Amino acid sequence: MENKIRLDLYEQTEYSRGRNGIIVLLWWLIQGTVFRFSLHQMYGWRRWLLTRFGAEIGHGVKIRSSAKFTYPWKVTIGDHSWIGDNTEFYSLDEIAVGRHCVISQNTYLCTGSHRLNDPSFGLITKPIVIKDGAWVASDVFVYPGVIINEMAVAGARSTVIKNIPANEIHVGYPAVFIKRRFPQQIGSTIPFDRLESEMMR
């Protein structure tokens, strides 16, 4: 079959990295040195470095020194979330992590891909959203455009190609529903007759 792919025609004129080339190179230098080789407990130092480059990092966030952020100014992480060893925030587009989330070791959050039927292999970017209380377990790959909802779990070594509803555990390649994380949805309403009976006790 004749090859239709022309990588020599690839270009990114419509894509914006969000900062100029000097800032991008400076961040990569900082990330590969003082960020990467900071001591284990220097979470505050790493938070400070990321915020200096435009990331929005909440209170009490713990980020391991081996985590990587392509463009930190496109990253938001909520209070008390944990970012594990060797996690990759491939933030060509926005990545938003909520509060009290765990992104475990070797996870890859991928916001960029390419048009499969485009001979010039045109770039596609879509944001990733991980909502409060979610757990993305070790070695998970998350596709561009995916939303992992509140308290949802992506099981270890899963490939997440579609949204995970709140309070559900999805596992596999591709990840599929296994069970609910908690027996009752947090925040769900209690039936009035049950509420009334409990109040009478």
C-alpha atoms as a PDB file:
ATOM      1  CA  MET A   1       0.000   0.000   0.000  1.00  0.00           C
ATOM      2  CA  GLU A   2       1.260   3.448  -0.881  1.00  0.00           C
ATOM      3  CA  ASN A   3       2.361   5.549   2.094  1.00  0.00           C
ATOM      4  CA  LYS A   4       0.176   8.661   2.463  1.00  0.00           C
ATOM      5  CA  ILE A   5       1.908  10.119   5.519  1.00  0.00           C
ATOM      6  CA  ARG A   6       4.030  13.253   4.913  1.00  0.00           C
ATOM      7  CA  LEU A   7       5.730  14.217   8.157  1.00  0.00           C
ATOM      8  CA  ASP A   8       7.780  16.814   6.269  1.00  0.00           C
ATOM      9  CA  LEU A   9       4.522  18.794   5.970  1.00  0.00           C
ATOM     10  CA  TYR A  10       3.872  18.796   9.726  1.00  0.00           C
ATOM     11  CA  GLU A  11       3.545  22.237  11.320  1.00  0.00           C
ATOM     12  CA  GLN A  12       2.125  23.788  14.510  1.00  0.00           C
ATOM     13  CA  THR A  13       1.314  27.338  13.425  1.00  0.00           C
ATOM     14  CA  GLU A  14      -2.174  27.169  14.953  1.00  0.00           C
ATOM     15  CA  TYR A  15      -0.948  25.836  18.318  1.00  0.00           C
ATOM     16  CA  SER A  16       0.084  28.110  21.196  1.00  0.00           C
ATOM     17  CA  ARG A  17       2.348  26.856  23.976  1.00  0.00           C
ATOM     18  CA  GLY A  18       1.137  29.762  26.105  1.00  0.00           C
ATOM     19  CA  ARG A  19       4.604  31.260  26.703  1.00  0.00           C
ATOM     20  CA  ASN A  20       7.482  32.271  24.481  1.00  0.00           C
ATOM     21  CA  GLY A  21      10.351  29.939  23.676  1.00  0.00           C
ATOM     22  CA  ILE A  22      12.730  31.431  26.233  1.00  0.00           C
ATOM     23  CA  ILE A  23      10.292  30.754  29.107  1.00  0.00           C
ATOM     24  CA  VAL A  24       9.691  27.207  27.838  1.00  0.00           C
ATOM     25  CA  LEU A  25      13.435  26.471  27.723  1.00  0.00           C
ATOM     26  CA  LEU A  26      13.971  28.075  31.135  1.00  0.00           C
ATOM     27  CA  TRP A  27      11.281  25.863  32.668  1.00  0.00           C
ATOM     28  CA  TRP A  28      12.761  22.728  31.126  1.00  0.00           C
ATOM     29  CA  LEU A  29      16.157  23.718  32.570  1.00  0.00           C
ATOM     30  CA  ILE A  30      14.683  24.334  36.044  1.00  0.00           C
ATOM     31  CA  GLN A  31      12.663  21.114  35.917  1.00  0.00           C
ATOM     32  CA  GLY A  32      15.705  19.056  34.961  1.00  0.00           C
ATOM     33  CA  THR A  33      17.900  20.471  37.736  1.00  0.00           C
ATOM     34  CA  VAL A  34      16.699  22.194  40.923  1.00  0.00           C
ATOM     35  CA  PHE A  35      13.216  20.654  40.687  1.00  0.00           C
ATOM     36  CA  ARG A  36      14.341  17.143  39.790  1.00  0.00           C
ATOM     37  CA  PHE A  37      17.135  16.933  42.356  1.00  0.00           C
ATOM     38  CA  SER A  38      15.295  18.558  45.274  1.00  0.00           C
ATOM     39  CA  LEU A  39      15.054  16.491  48.442  1.00  0.00           C
ATOM     40  CA  HIS A  40      12.104  14.191  49.055  1.00  0.00           C
ATOM     41  CA  GLN A  41      10.336  16.375  51.639  1.00  0.00           C
ATOM     42  CA  MET A  42      10.793  19.681  49.755  1.00  0.00           C
ATOM     43  CA  TYR A  43       7.160  19.816  48.629  1.00  0.00           C
ATOM     44  CA  GLY A  44       6.892  23.524  49.345  1.00  0.00           C
ATOM     45  CA  TRP A  45       9.932  24.268  47.189  1.00  0.00           C
ATOM     46  CA  ARG A  46       8.490  22.353  44.229  1.00  0.00           C
ATOM     47  CA  ARG A  47       5.089  24.016  44.650  1.00  0.00           C
ATOM     48  CA  TRP A  48       6.836  27.394  44.661  1.00  0.00           C
ATOM     49  CA  LEU A  49       8.779  26.629  41.480  1.00  0.00           C
ATOM     50  CA  LEU A  50       5.651  25.511  39.651  1.00  0.00           C
ATOM     51  CA  THR A  51       3.679  28.591  40.697  1.00  0.00           C
ATOM     52  CA  ARG A  52       6.531  30.842  39.528  1.00  0.00           C
ATOM     53  CA  PHE A  53       5.913  29.387  36.080  1.00  0.00           C
ATOM     54  CA  GLY A  54       2.161  29.943  36.181  1.00  0.00           C
ATOM     55  CA  ALA A  55       0.780  26.703  37.651  1.00  0.00           C
ATOM     56  CA  GLU A  56      -2.088  26.999  40.125  1.00  0.00           C
ATOM     57  CA  ILE A  57      -1.164  24.773  43.075  1.00  0.00           C
ATOM     58  CA  GLY A  58      -3.371  24.467  46.167  1.00  0.00           C
ATOM     59  CA  HIS A  59      -2.512  24.211  49.842  1.00  0.00           C
ATOM     60  CA  GLY A  60      -0.804  21.038  51.072  1.00  0.00           C
ATOM     61  CA  VAL A  61      -0.201  19.552  47.604  1.00  0.00           C
ATOM     62  CA  LYS A  62       2.570  16.917  47.566  1.00  0.00           C
ATOM     63  CA  ILE A  63       4.469  16.573  44.296  1.00  0.00           C
ATOM     64  CA  ARG A  64       7.383  14.152  43.954  1.00  0.00           C
ATOM     65  CA  SER A  65      10.598  15.457  42.433  1.00  0.00           C
ATOM     66  CA  SER A  66      10.468  13.004  39.498  1.00  0.00           C
ATOM     67  CA  ALA A  67       7.068  14.274  38.281  1.00  0.00           C
ATOM     68  CA  LYS A  68       7.219  16.088  34.924  1.00  0.00           C
ATOM     69  CA  PHE A  69       5.184  19.013  33.631  1.00  0.00           C
ATOM     70  CA  THR A  70       5.498  19.994  29.978  1.00  0.00           C
ATOM     71  CA  TYR A  71       3.921  23.450  30.403  1.00  0.00           C
ATOM     72  CA  PRO A  72       3.125  24.186  34.083  1.00  0.00           C
ATOM     73  CA  TRP A  73       1.104  27.310  33.215  1.00  0.00           C
ATOM     74  CA  LYS A  74      -1.542  24.942  31.837  1.00  0.00           C
ATOM     75  CA  VAL A  75      -1.819  22.944  35.092  1.00  0.00           C
ATOM     76  CA  THR A  76      -4.129  23.397  38.092  1.00  0.00           C
ATOM     77  CA  ILE A  77      -3.943  21.157  41.193  1.00  0.00           C
ATOM     78  CA  GLY A  78      -6.346  21.529  44.116  1.00  0.00           C
ATOM     79  CA  ASP A  79      -5.683  21.404  47.863  1.00  0.00           C
ATOM     80  CA  HIS A  80      -4.100  18.314  49.475  1.00  0.00           C
ATOM     81  CA  SER A  81      -3.680  16.328  46.270  1.00  0.00           C
ATOM     82  CA  TRP A  82      -0.742  13.952  45.749  1.00  0.00           C
ATOM     83  CA  ILE A  83       1.317  13.653  42.571  1.00  0.00           C
ATOM     84  CA  GLY A  84       3.449  10.495  42.516  1.00  0.00           C
ATOM     85  CA  ASP A  85       6.864   9.536  41.190  1.00  0.00           C
ATOM     86  CA  ASN A  86       7.446   9.674  37.425  1.00  0.00           C
ATOM     87  CA  THR A  87       3.988  11.017  36.662  1.00  0.00           C
ATOM     88  CA  GLU A  88       3.827  12.888  33.371  1.00  0.00           C
ATOM     89  CA  PHE A  89       1.642  15.949  32.870  1.00  0.00           C
ATOM     90  CA  TYR A  90       1.835  16.236  29.086  1.00  0.00           C
ATOM     91  CA  SER A  91       0.083  19.569  29.280  1.00  0.00           C
ATOM     92  CA  LEU A  92      -0.180  20.728  25.696  1.00  0.00           C
ATOM     93  CA  ASP A  93      -3.716  21.630  26.812  1.00  0.00           C
ATOM     94  CA  GLU A  94      -5.165  22.333  30.254  1.00  0.00           C
ATOM     95  CA  ILE A  95      -4.929  19.680  32.992  1.00  0.00           C
ATOM     96  CA  ALA A  96      -7.091  20.340  36.047  1.00  0.00           C
ATOM     97  CA  VAL A  97      -6.742  18.117  39.129  1.00  0.00           C
ATOM     98  CA  GLY A  98      -9.225  18.671  41.951  1.00  0.00           C
ATOM     99  CA  ARG A  99      -8.826  18.575  45.722  1.00  0.00           C
ATOM    100  CA  HIS A 100      -7.779  15.451  47.652  1.00  0.00           C
ATOM    101  CA  CYS A 101      -6.903  13.567  44.455  1.00  0.00           C
ATOM    102  CA  VAL A 102      -4.164  10.969  44.045  1.00  0.00           C
ATOM    103  CA  ILE A 103      -2.241  10.706  40.769  1.00  0.00           C
ATOM    104  CA  SER A 104      -0.073   7.658  41.394  1.00  0.00           C
ATOM    105  CA  GLN A 105       3.386   6.792  40.112  1.00  0.00           C
ATOM    106  CA  ASN A 106       4.061   6.398  36.379  1.00  0.00           C
ATOM    107  CA  THR A 107       0.692   7.824  35.353  1.00  0.00           C
ATOM    108  CA  TYR A 108       0.635   9.638  31.998  1.00  0.00           C
ATOM    109  CA  LEU A 109      -1.906  12.423  31.493  1.00  0.00           C
ATOM    110  CA  CYS A 110      -1.864  13.037  27.745  1.00  0.00           C
ATOM    111  CA  THR A 111      -3.599  16.102  26.302  1.00  0.00           C
ATOM    112  CA  GLY A 112      -2.088  15.835  22.816  1.00  0.00           C
ATOM    113  CA  SER A 113      -2.560  13.531  19.843  1.00  0.00           C
ATOM    114  CA  HIS A 114      -2.653  13.657  16.027  1.00  0.00           C
ATOM    115  CA  ARG A 115      -5.253  13.397  13.261  1.00  0.00           C
ATOM    116  CA  LEU A 116      -5.102   9.817  12.057  1.00  0.00           C
ATOM    117  CA  ASN A 117      -6.338  10.506   8.516  1.00  0.00           C
ATOM    118  CA  ASP A 118      -4.307  13.666   7.990  1.00  0.00           C
ATOM    119  CA  PRO A 119      -1.213  13.086   5.813  1.00  0.00           C
ATOM    120  CA  SER A 120       0.589  15.917   7.655  1.00  0.00           C
ATOM    121  CA  PHE A 121      -0.220  14.340  11.059  1.00  0.00           C
ATOM    122  CA  GLY A 122      -1.894  17.493  12.377  1.00  0.00           C
ATOM    123  CA  LEU A 123      -1.833  18.135  16.127  1.00  0.00           C
ATOM    124  CA  ILE A 124      -4.974  17.733  18.279  1.00  0.00           C
ATOM    125  CA  THR A 125      -5.171  18.895  21.900  1.00  0.00           C
ATOM    126  CA  LYS A 126      -7.965  18.431  24.441  1.00  0.00           C
ATOM    127  CA  PRO A 127      -8.015  19.165  28.197  1.00  0.00           C
ATOM    128  CA  ILE A 128      -8.110  16.558  30.972  1.00  0.00           C
ATOM    129  CA  VAL A 129     -10.158  17.090  34.140  1.00  0.00           C
ATOM    130  CA  ILE A 130      -9.775  15.010  37.301  1.00  0.00           C
ATOM    131  CA  LYS A 131     -12.342  16.002  39.909  1.00  0.00           C
ATOM    132  CA  ASP A 132     -12.261  16.048  43.716  1.00  0.00           C
ATOM    133  CA  GLY A 133     -11.416  12.819  45.509  1.00  0.00           C
ATOM    134  CA  ALA A 134     -10.522  10.837  42.384  1.00  0.00           C
ATOM    135  CA  TRP A 135      -7.677   8.318  42.310  1.00  0.00           C
ATOM    136  CA  VAL A 136      -5.701   7.630  39.148  1.00  0.00           C
ATOM    137  CA  ALA A 137      -3.709   4.557  40.178  1.00  0.00           C
ATOM    138  CA  SER A 138      -0.205   3.561  39.093  1.00  0.00           C
ATOM    139  CA  ASP A 139       0.811   3.333  35.439  1.00  0.00           C
ATOM    140  CA  VAL A 140      -2.503   4.615  34.040  1.00  0.00           C
ATOM    141  CA  PHE A 141      -2.706   6.317  30.634  1.00  0.00           C
ATOM    142  CA  VAL A 142      -5.411   8.993  30.339  1.00  0.00           C
ATOM    143  CA  TYR A 143      -6.476  10.061  26.828  1.00  0.00           C
ATOM    144  CA  PRO A 144      -7.006  13.672  25.727  1.00  0.00           C
ATOM    145  CA  GLY A 145     -10.433  15.082  26.595  1.00  0.00           C
ATOM    146  CA  VAL A 146     -11.200  12.621  29.423  1.00  0.00           C
ATOM    147  CA  ILE A 147     -13.038  13.665  32.601  1.00  0.00           C
ATOM    148  CA  ILE A 148     -12.564  11.525  35.711  1.00  0.00           C
ATOM    149  CA  ASN A 149     -15.387  12.580  37.991  1.00  0.00           C
ATOM    150  CA  GLU A 150     -15.651  12.951  41.774  1.00  0.00           C
ATOM    151  CA  MET A 151     -14.278  10.013  43.810  1.00  0.00           C
ATOM    152  CA  ALA A 152     -13.862   7.886  40.680  1.00  0.00           C
ATOM    153  CA  VAL A 153     -10.971   5.419  40.388  1.00  0.00           C
ATOM    154  CA  ALA A 154      -8.915   4.452  37.343  1.00  0.00           C
ATOM    155  CA  GLY A 155      -7.368   1.112  38.310  1.00  0.00           C
ATOM    156  CA  ALA A 156      -3.655   0.356  37.995  1.00  0.00           C
ATOM    157  CA  ARG A 157      -2.292  -0.027  34.447  1.00  0.00           C
ATOM    158  CA  SER A 158      -5.583   0.970  32.871  1.00  0.00           C
ATOM    159  CA  THR A 159      -6.036   2.933  29.653  1.00  0.00           C
ATOM    160  CA  VAL A 160      -8.775   5.508  30.102  1.00  0.00           C
ATOM    161  CA  ILE A 161     -10.289   6.527  26.769  1.00  0.00           C
ATOM    162  CA  LYS A 162     -13.665   7.833  27.985  1.00  0.00           C
ATOM    163  CA  ASN A 163     -15.092   9.663  30.990  1.00  0.00           C
ATOM    164  CA  ILE A 164     -15.410   7.847  34.323  1.00  0.00           C
ATOM    165  CA  PRO A 165     -18.605   8.746  36.224  1.00  0.00           C
ATOM    166  CA  ALA A 166     -18.497   9.815  39.850  1.00  0.00           C
ATOM    167  CA  ASN A 167     -17.876   7.101  42.465  1.00  0.00           C
ATOM    168  CA  GLU A 168     -17.152   4.392  39.883  1.00  0.00           C
ATOM    169  CA  ILE A 169     -14.091   2.150  39.581  1.00  0.00           C
ATOM    170  CA  HIS A 170     -12.949   1.461  36.017  1.00  0.00           C
ATOM    171  CA  VAL A 171     -10.147  -0.986  35.214  1.00  0.00           C
ATOM    172  CA  GLY A 172      -8.601  -2.463  32.093  1.00  0.00           C
ATOM    173  CA  TYR A 173      -7.493  -1.818  28.540  1.00  0.00           C
ATOM    174  CA  PRO A 174      -9.625   0.042  27.710  1.00  0.00           C
ATOM    175  CA  ALA A 175     -10.919   0.774  31.216  1.00  0.00           C
ATOM    176  CA  VAL A 176     -14.460  -0.483  31.914  1.00  0.00           C
ATOM    177  CA  PHE A 177     -16.793  -0.286  34.899  1.00  0.00           C
ATOM    178  CA  ILE A 178     -16.083  -2.790  37.712  1.00  0.00           C
ATOM    179  CA  LYS A 179     -18.057  -1.527  40.710  1.00  0.00           C
ATOM    180  CA  ARG A 180     -18.887   1.515  42.776  1.00  0.00           C
ATOM    181  CA  ARG A 181     -16.242   2.854  45.124  1.00  0.00           C
ATOM    182  CA  PHE A 182     -18.614   3.675  47.992  1.00  0.00           C
ATOM    183  CA  PRO A 183     -21.953   1.923  48.624  1.00  0.00           C
ATOM    184  CA  GLN A 184     -23.837   5.210  48.685  1.00  0.00           C
ATOM    185  CA  GLN A 185     -23.086   8.347  46.758  1.00  0.00           C
ATOM    186  CA  ILE A 186     -21.691  11.019  49.036  1.00  0.00           C
ATOM    187  CA  GLY A 187     -24.034  13.968  48.951  1.00  0.00           C
ATOM    188  CA  SER A 188     -27.058  11.926  47.911  1.00  0.00           C
ATOM    189  CA  THR A 189     -30.317  12.782  49.607  1.00  0.00           C
ATOM    190  CA  ILE A 190     -31.802  10.617  52.355  1.00  0.00           C
ATOM    191  CA  PRO A 191     -35.465   9.676  51.741  1.00  0.00           C
ATOM    192  CA  PHE A 192     -37.773  11.868  53.833  1.00  0.00           C
ATOM    193  CA  ASP A 193     -39.443   8.970  55.691  1.00  0.00           C
ATOM    194  CA  ARG A 194     -36.033   7.593  56.717  1.00  0.00           C
ATOM    195  CA  LEU A 195     -34.809  11.041  57.758  1.00  0.00           C
ATOM    196  CA  GLU A 196     -37.963  11.586  59.819  1.00  0.00           C
ATOM    197  CA  SER A 197     -37.606   8.227  61.587  1.00  0.00           C
ATOM    198  CA  GLU A 198     -33.950   8.900  62.447  1.00  0.00           C
ATOM    199  CA  MET A 199     -34.816  12.307  63.852  1.00  0.00           C
ATOM    200  CA  MET A 200     -37.411  10.729  66.142  1.00  0.00           C
ATOM    201  CA  ARG A 201     -34.852   8.439  67.795  1.00  0.00           C
END
